[in-house]
C-alpha atoms as a PDB file:
ATOM      1  CA  MET A   1       0.055  -0.055  -0.058  1.00  0.00           C
ATOM      2  CA  PRO A   2       1.439   3.419  -1.031  1.00  0.00           C
ATOM      3  CA  LYS A   3       2.562   5.795   1.746  1.00  0.00           C
ATOM      4  CA  LYS A   4       0.106   8.735   2.372  1.00  0.00           C
ATOM      5  CA  LEU A   5       1.825  12.001   1.421  1.00  0.00           C
ATOM      6  CA  THR A   6      -0.393  14.295   3.329  1.00  0.00           C
ATOM      7  CA  ARG A   7      -1.974  13.722   6.776  1.00  0.00           C
ATOM      8  CA  PRO A   8      -5.515  15.075   7.082  1.00  0.00           C
ATOM      9  CA  ASP A   9      -4.599  16.702  10.383  1.00  0.00           C
ATOM     10  CA  THR A  10      -2.154  18.870   8.725  1.00  0.00           C
ATOM     11  CA  LEU A  11      -4.673  20.409   6.185  1.00  0.00           C
ATOM     12  CA  HIS A  12      -6.729  23.457   6.929  1.00  0.00           C
ATOM     13  CA  PRO A  13     -10.303  22.493   7.580  1.00  0.00           C
ATOM     14  CA  HIS A  14     -11.505  24.578   4.515  1.00  0.00           C
ATOM     15  CA  ILE A  15      -9.157  22.533   2.326  1.00  0.00           C
ATOM     16  CA  GLN A  16     -10.584  19.274   3.745  1.00  0.00           C
ATOM     17  CA  GLU A  17     -14.130  20.463   3.191  1.00  0.00           C
ATOM     18  CA  ARG A  18     -13.357  21.537  -0.300  1.00  0.00           C
ATOM     19  CA  LEU A  19     -11.895  18.123  -1.211  1.00  0.00           C
ATOM     20  CA  ARG A  20     -14.859  16.416   0.374  1.00  0.00           C
ATOM     21  CA  LEU A  21     -17.194  18.575  -1.755  1.00  0.00           C
ATOM     22  CA  TRP A  22     -15.284  17.907  -4.921  1.00  0.00           C
ATOM     23  CA  GLY A  23     -15.443  14.154  -4.220  1.00  0.00           C
ATOM     24  CA  LEU A  24     -19.151  14.334  -3.619  1.00  0.00           C
ATOM     25  CA  ALA A  25     -19.616  16.363  -6.871  1.00  0.00           C
ATOM     26  CA  ILE A  26     -17.534  13.711  -8.865  1.00  0.00           C
ATOM     27  CA  ARG A  27     -19.631  10.834  -7.404  1.00  0.00           C
ATOM     28  CA  ALA A  28     -22.897  12.533  -7.925  1.00  0.00           C
ATOM     29  CA  GLN A  29     -22.111  13.372 -11.651  1.00  0.00           C
ATOM     30  CA  ARG A  30     -20.887   9.886 -12.184  1.00  0.00           C
ATOM     31  CA  LEU A  31     -24.063   8.372 -10.865  1.00  0.00           C
ATOM     32  CA  ARG A  32     -26.064  11.091 -12.820  1.00  0.00           C
ATOM     33  CA  TYR A  33     -24.377   9.896 -16.048  1.00  0.00           C
ATOM     34  CA  GLN A  34     -24.950   6.186 -14.955  1.00  0.00           C
ATOM     35  CA  GLU A  35     -21.180   5.610 -15.449  1.00  0.00           C
ATOM     36  CA  LEU A  36     -19.539   2.604 -13.720  1.00  0.00           C
ATOM     37  CA  ALA A  37     -16.578   3.278 -11.590  1.00  0.00           C
ATOM     38  CA  ASN A  38     -14.464   0.914 -13.634  1.00  0.00           C
ATOM     39  CA  ASN A  39     -15.258   2.830 -16.805  1.00  0.00           C
ATOM     40  CA  LEU A  40     -14.594   6.315 -15.331  1.00  0.00           C
ATOM     41  CA  ALA A  41     -11.363   5.098 -13.743  1.00  0.00           C
ATOM     42  CA  ARG A  42     -10.260   3.702 -17.103  1.00  0.00           C
ATOM     43  CA  ARG A  43     -11.020   7.008 -18.764  1.00  0.00           C
ATOM     44  CA  LEU A  44      -9.098   8.939 -16.027  1.00  0.00           C
ATOM     45  CA  ASP A  45      -6.191   6.450 -16.285  1.00  0.00           C
ATOM     46  CA  ILE A  46      -6.432   5.793 -12.449  1.00  0.00           C
ATOM     47  CA  SER A  47      -7.383   2.743 -10.489  1.00  0.00           C
ATOM     48  CA  VAL A  48     -10.820   2.151  -9.106  1.00  0.00           C
ATOM     49  CA  ALA A  49      -9.348   2.370  -5.608  1.00  0.00           C
ATOM     50  CA  THR A  50      -7.986   5.851  -6.357  1.00  0.00           C
ATOM     51  CA  LEU A  51     -11.482   6.904  -7.749  1.00  0.00           C
ATOM     52  CA  ARG A  52     -13.123   5.693  -4.609  1.00  0.00           C
ATOM     53  CA  ARG A  53     -10.563   7.622  -2.512  1.00  0.00           C
ATOM     54  CA  MET A  54     -11.215  10.650  -4.650  1.00  0.00           C
ATOM     55  CA  GLU A  55     -14.962  10.391  -4.171  1.00  0.00           C
ATOM     56  CA  HIS A  56     -14.391  10.429  -0.336  1.00  0.00           C
ATOM     57  CA  GLY A  57     -12.166  13.502  -0.528  1.00  0.00           C
ATOM     58  CA  ASP A  58      -8.898  11.778   0.264  1.00  0.00           C
ATOM     59  CA  PRO A  59      -6.035  14.493   0.270  1.00  0.00           C
ATOM     60  CA  ALA A  60      -3.530  11.979  -0.800  1.00  0.00           C
ATOM     61  CA  VAL A  61      -5.088  11.894  -4.261  1.00  0.00           C
ATOM     62  CA  SER A  62      -3.364  14.404  -6.418  1.00  0.00           C
ATOM     63  CA  ALA A  63      -4.942  17.711  -7.386  1.00  0.00           C
ATOM     64  CA  ALA A  64      -4.502  16.845 -11.033  1.00  0.00           C
ATOM     65  CA  SER A  65      -6.555  13.736 -10.608  1.00  0.00           C
ATOM     66  CA  TYR A  66      -9.383  15.708  -8.989  1.00  0.00           C
ATOM     67  CA  LEU A  67      -9.227  18.380 -11.643  1.00  0.00           C
ATOM     68  CA  ASN A  68      -9.075  15.740 -14.503  1.00  0.00           C
ATOM     69  CA  ALA A  69     -12.158  13.906 -13.050  1.00  0.00           C
ATOM     70  CA  LEU A  70     -13.996  17.321 -12.847  1.00  0.00           C
ATOM     71  CA  GLN A  71     -13.108  18.178 -16.410  1.00  0.00           C
ATOM     72  CA  THR A  72     -14.067  14.797 -17.683  1.00  0.00           C
ATOM     73  CA  LEU A  73     -17.395  15.012 -15.997  1.00  0.00           C
ATOM     74  CA  GLY A  74     -18.090  18.559 -17.231  1.00  0.00           C
ATOM     75  CA  LEU A  75     -17.875  20.154 -13.786  1.00  0.00           C
ATOM     76  CA  LEU A  76     -14.484  22.000 -13.805  1.00  0.00           C
ATOM     77  CA  ASP A  77     -15.676  25.471 -14.626  1.00  0.00           C
ATOM     78  CA  LEU A  78     -18.664  25.068 -12.213  1.00  0.00           C
ATOM     79  CA  VAL A  79     -16.703  23.694  -9.288  1.00  0.00           C
ATOM     80  CA  VAL A  80     -13.328  25.401  -9.843  1.00  0.00           C
ATOM     81  CA  PRO A  81     -13.844  28.718 -11.680  1.00  0.00           C
ATOM     82  CA  PRO A  82     -10.734  30.206 -13.322  1.00  0.00           C
ATOM     83  CA  PRO A  83      -9.053  33.080 -11.347  1.00  0.00           C
ATOM     84  CA  ALA A  84      -9.824  36.723 -11.972  1.00  0.00           C
ATOM     85  CA  ILE A  85      -7.733  38.156 -14.682  1.00  0.00           C
ATOM     86  CA  ASP A  86      -6.051  40.631 -12.396  1.00  0.00           C
ATOM     87  CA  LEU A  87      -4.649  37.831 -10.234  1.00  0.00           C
ATOM     88  CA  THR A  88      -2.788  36.434 -13.230  1.00  0.00           C
ATOM     89  CA  THR A  89      -1.506  39.705 -14.757  1.00  0.00           C
ATOM     90  CA  ALA A  90       0.565  41.119 -11.839  1.00  0.00           C
ATOM     91  CA  THR A  91       3.545  43.138 -12.970  1.00  0.00           C
ATOM     92  CA  LEU A  92       6.721  41.377 -11.981  1.00  0.00           C
ATOM     93  CA  ASN A  93       8.486  44.728 -11.030  1.00  0.00           C
ATOM     94  CA  GLN A  94       5.866  45.544  -8.387  1.00  0.00           C
ATOM     95  CA  ARG A  95       7.153  45.694  -4.847  1.00  0.00           C
ATOM     96  CA  VAL A  96       5.409  45.784  -1.680  1.00  0.00           C
ATOM     97  CA  SER A  97       5.499  49.388  -0.276  1.00  0.00           C
ATOM     98  CA  ARG A  98       7.471  49.643   3.030  1.00  0.00           C
ATOM     99  CA  THR A  99       6.762  51.891   5.887  1.00  0.00           C
ATOM    100  CA  SER A 100       9.563  53.975   6.890  1.00  0.00           C
ATOM    101  CA  ALA A 101      12.047  52.110   8.958  1.00  0.00           C
ATOM    102  CA  THR A 102      12.897  52.961  12.510  1.00  0.00           C
ATOM    103  CA  ALA A 103      16.454  53.331  13.599  1.00  0.00           C
ATOM    104  CA  ASN A 104      16.436  49.899  15.311  1.00  0.00           C
ATOM    105  CA  GLU A 105      15.357  48.009  12.053  1.00  0.00           C
ATOM    106  CA  ILE A 106      17.824  46.570   9.688  1.00  0.00           C
ATOM    107  CA  ASP A 107      17.550  47.329   6.049  1.00  0.00           C
ATOM    108  CA  ASP A 108      16.681  44.064   4.276  1.00  0.00           C
ATOM    109  CA  ASP A 109      18.605  45.091   1.174  1.00  0.00           C
ATOM    110  CA  ASP A 110      21.935  44.884   3.071  1.00  0.00           C
ATOM    111  CA  PHE A 111      21.626  41.091   3.295  1.00  0.00           C
ATOM    112  CA  PHE A 112      21.546  40.544  -0.460  1.00  0.00           C
END
């Protein structure tokens, strides 16, 4: 049995809940389409055991597997909308503005 990469107790509760909801959505859509687990697993190129873990929101299943399943079932844009355009077009030269340093603070630029 493969070693789990992520322990559930190390994940933020919102992430755990989101994975659980993604799994429920995958299972509900699979059943709505009356698709057998074997067939969907074959289409996703994963094992049936991985599909079952995914449907239960297991954090050890890769994000790519979740997203691939959502795309295959036609749910990707409904469940995981693309980010707003302003989040993807940040200027690389932008810097965080600093407040004026006090006499006791060290200038970060001196370390580089």
